[in-house]
Protein backbone atom coordinates (compact mmCIF):
# COMPACT_ATOMS: atom_id res chain seq x y z
CA MET A 1 0.01 0.06 0.05
CA GLY A 2 1.33 3.29 -0.91
CA LEU A 3 1.23 6.31 1.33
CA LYS A 4 0.38 9.77 -0.02
CA GLU A 5 2.06 13.01 0.51
CA THR A 6 0.31 14.85 3.45
CA PRO A 7 -0.42 18.58 2.44
CA SER A 8 2.10 21.39 2.96
CA GLN A 9 1.57 23.97 5.95
CA THR A 10 2.03 27.66 5.51
CA ALA A 11 3.18 30.16 7.55
CA GLY A 12 -0.14 31.80 8.43
CA PRO A 13 -2.64 32.95 9.53
CA TYR A 14 -0.77 32.16 12.94
CA VAL A 15 2.76 33.62 11.87
CA HIS A 16 2.04 37.04 13.76
CA ILE A 17 0.67 35.46 17.22
CA GLY A 18 4.15 33.27 17.67
CA CYS A 19 6.49 35.55 15.93
CA THR A 20 5.27 39.51 16.45
CA PRO A 21 2.71 39.13 19.14
CA GLN A 22 2.37 42.85 19.48
CA ILE A 23 0.92 42.87 15.90
CA ALA A 24 -1.35 40.45 16.89
CA GLY A 25 -2.79 42.88 19.69
CA LEU A 26 -1.05 40.53 22.26
CA GLU A 27 0.71 42.10 25.37
CA GLN A 28 4.55 41.33 25.66
CA ARG A 29 4.43 40.83 29.15
CA ALA A 30 6.89 38.67 30.67
CA MET A 31 8.60 38.05 27.14
CA GLY A 32 10.53 41.32 27.02
CA ASP A 33 11.17 43.43 24.18
CA PRO A 34 9.91 41.79 20.51
CA LEU A 35 12.60 39.36 19.46
CA GLY A 36 14.27 41.16 16.45
CA ALA A 37 12.51 44.53 16.55
CA THR A 38 15.60 46.86 17.63
CA MET A 39 18.47 46.82 15.39
CA VAL A 40 20.61 49.57 16.50
CA ASP A 41 20.75 51.41 19.82
CA ASP A 42 20.01 54.91 20.51
CA ASN A 43 23.72 56.01 19.73
CA GLN A 44 23.60 54.96 16.32
CA ASP A 45 22.76 57.10 13.24
CA GLY A 46 20.74 54.49 11.49
CA ILE A 47 18.81 54.60 8.22
CA ASN A 48 15.22 53.48 7.54
CA LEU A 49 14.30 50.56 5.66
CA SER A 50 10.74 50.16 4.27
CA ILE A 51 10.01 46.78 2.97
CA ASN A 52 6.61 46.48 1.10
CA VAL A 53 5.50 42.94 -0.25
CA LEU A 54 2.82 42.86 -3.08
CA ASP A 55 1.32 39.67 -4.09
CA GLY A 56 0.76 38.68 -7.97
CA ALA A 57 -2.29 41.09 -8.13
CA GLY A 58 -0.10 44.26 -6.90
CA ASP A 59 -1.70 44.46 -3.68
CA PRO A 60 -0.04 44.37 -0.48
CA VAL A 61 0.37 41.26 1.61
CA LYS A 62 -0.67 42.68 5.24
CA ASP A 63 0.09 39.40 6.82
CA ALA A 64 3.86 38.81 5.98
CA LEU A 65 6.70 38.58 8.21
CA ILE A 66 10.05 39.53 7.20
CA GLU A 67 13.61 39.06 8.64
CA ILE A 68 16.89 40.75 7.55
CA TRP A 69 20.22 40.06 8.23
CA GLN A 70 23.26 42.30 7.48
CA ALA A 71 26.99 43.39 7.68
CA ASN A 72 27.64 46.38 9.76
CA PRO A 73 28.94 49.17 8.27
CA GLN A 74 32.48 48.06 8.21
CA GLY A 75 31.33 44.78 6.57
CA ASP A 76 31.42 42.52 9.39
CA LEU A 77 28.97 39.96 10.23
CA ALA A 78 29.41 39.54 13.93
CA PRO A 79 26.49 41.34 16.29
CA SER A 80 27.82 43.88 18.96
CA GLU A 81 26.44 46.00 21.61
CA ALA A 82 25.53 48.56 19.21
CA PHE A 83 24.02 46.75 16.53
CA SER A 84 22.57 43.28 16.42
CA ASN A 85 22.62 42.71 12.58
CA TRP A 86 19.28 40.57 12.38
CA GLY A 87 15.87 42.28 12.57
CA ARG A 88 12.29 40.87 12.29
CA GLN A 89 9.03 43.16 11.36
CA ALA A 90 5.69 42.18 10.59
CA THR A 91 4.02 44.19 7.57
CA ASP A 92 1.58 46.90 8.89
CA LEU A 93 -2.02 45.15 8.70
CA ALA A 94 -3.29 48.29 7.17
CA SER A 95 -0.46 49.44 4.66
CA GLY A 96 1.66 45.94 4.20
CA VAL A 97 4.79 48.03 4.71
CA ALA A 98 7.66 46.75 6.96
CA ARG A 99 9.79 49.30 8.46
CA PHE A 100 13.36 48.59 9.95
CA GLU A 101 15.57 51.01 11.54
CA THR A 102 19.20 49.48 10.72
CA LEU A 103 22.74 50.97 9.66
CA LYS A 104 23.89 50.71 5.83
CA PRO A 105 25.91 47.62 5.33
CA GLY A 106 29.33 47.57 4.05
CA LEU A 107 31.02 46.10 1.51
CA CYS A 108 31.38 42.16 2.53
CA GLY A 109 34.22 40.57 0.89
CA GLU A 110 33.59 40.84 -3.21
CA GLN A 111 30.04 41.34 -2.64
CA ALA A 112 28.23 44.65 -2.94
CA PRO A 113 26.74 46.16 0.29
CA HIS A 114 23.26 44.22 0.60
CA ILE A 115 20.65 42.99 2.98
CA LEU A 116 19.76 39.33 3.07
CA VAL A 117 15.95 39.24 3.36
CA TRP A 118 13.50 36.40 3.95
CA VAL A 119 9.69 36.50 3.97
CA VAL A 120 7.05 34.33 5.26
CA ALA A 121 2.99 34.72 5.01
CA ARG A 122 -0.24 32.78 4.45
CA GLY A 123 0.12 31.05 1.21
CA ILE A 124 3.80 30.52 1.19
CA ASN A 125 4.97 27.22 1.87
CA LEU A 126 8.80 27.52 2.16
CA GLY A 127 10.11 31.03 3.03
CA LEU A 128 11.30 33.28 0.18
CA THR A 129 15.03 34.47 0.56
CA THR A 130 16.24 37.33 -1.59
CA ARG A 131 18.68 40.36 -1.08
CA ILE A 132 18.26 44.36 -1.14
CA TYR A 133 21.09 46.22 -2.72
CA PHE A 134 21.64 49.99 -2.92
CA PRO A 135 21.32 52.48 -5.40
CA ASP A 136 23.87 54.38 -4.64
CA GLU A 137 26.48 51.61 -4.12
CA ASP A 138 28.99 50.05 -7.22
CA ASN A 139 26.89 46.96 -7.50
CA ILE A 140 28.35 45.96 -11.03
CA SER A 141 30.98 43.64 -9.53
CA ASP A 142 28.81 41.67 -7.19
CA PRO A 143 28.79 38.03 -8.03
CA ILE A 144 25.39 37.21 -6.52
CA LEU A 145 23.42 40.35 -8.13
CA ALA A 146 25.35 39.47 -11.69
CA LEU A 147 23.48 36.14 -11.79
CA ALA A 148 20.09 37.79 -11.91
CA GLY A 149 21.04 39.26 -15.43
CA THR A 150 18.31 41.57 -16.62
CA ARG A 151 16.26 40.99 -13.61
CA ALA A 152 18.72 42.40 -11.14
CA ALA A 153 16.62 45.29 -10.90
CA THR A 154 13.99 43.46 -8.82
CA MET A 155 16.64 43.72 -5.84
CA ILE A 156 17.62 47.01 -5.97
CA ALA A 157 16.16 49.52 -3.52
CA THR A 158 15.07 53.05 -4.15
CA LYS A 159 16.55 56.04 -2.33
CA THR A 160 14.15 57.83 -0.16
CA ASN A 161 14.61 61.10 2.00
CA ASP A 162 15.11 59.15 5.32
CA GLY A 163 16.86 55.88 3.64
CA TYR A 164 15.33 53.66 1.58
CA ALA A 165 12.38 51.86 0.40
CA HIS A 166 11.82 48.50 -1.46
CA ILE A 167 9.09 46.45 -3.10
CA ILE A 168 9.15 42.63 -3.10
CA ARG A 169 6.94 41.05 -5.80
CA LEU A 170 5.89 37.57 -5.10
CA GLN A 171 4.22 36.82 -8.61
CA GLY A 172 4.08 38.54 -12.28
CA PRO A 173 6.42 40.25 -14.86
CA ASP A 174 8.71 42.09 -12.42
CA GLU A 175 8.42 38.97 -9.62
CA THR A 176 11.58 39.74 -7.33
CA VAL A 177 14.44 36.99 -7.60
CA PHE A 178 14.32 34.55 -5.14
CA PHE A 179 16.80 32.21 -4.01
CA ASP A 180 16.46 28.86 -3.92
CA VAL A 181 17.93 27.87 -0.47
């Protein structure tokens, strides 16, 4: 007798309750600050990074959870007291935007300054991984970005007055490049 594959489990609708309970309206009580909510201490001049996740119809995904990992401005990946190099934010339930206060990463070996991004949401069976690069950096020699070819623009943020903004498109003609990890 052959066994059938069981259905896959997606990330939500309960992802916010377990990973970002404050978004779900739950008190943090004895748990302390939300894990990954703060990346820089008060003595750092950070940048704002807004990430908007859009579905195939171009509508905001209002229940996504985004984690970012990055090097510090010196290109070092080790966390410190002043900078955690890792953050977690849920997208806003009204706008679908997640906002991070972080530091702009530095050159990491031969790779241009970038932020690694992981996205989960209802309907996504496996978390999606991509990168965000900066438009005011020399990205031409980055070996990973070069692999994206003509779709590299889907991984480059837009400069704003107070930092950077980036749109992650889950489907469609301008779908963001995701890594098979």
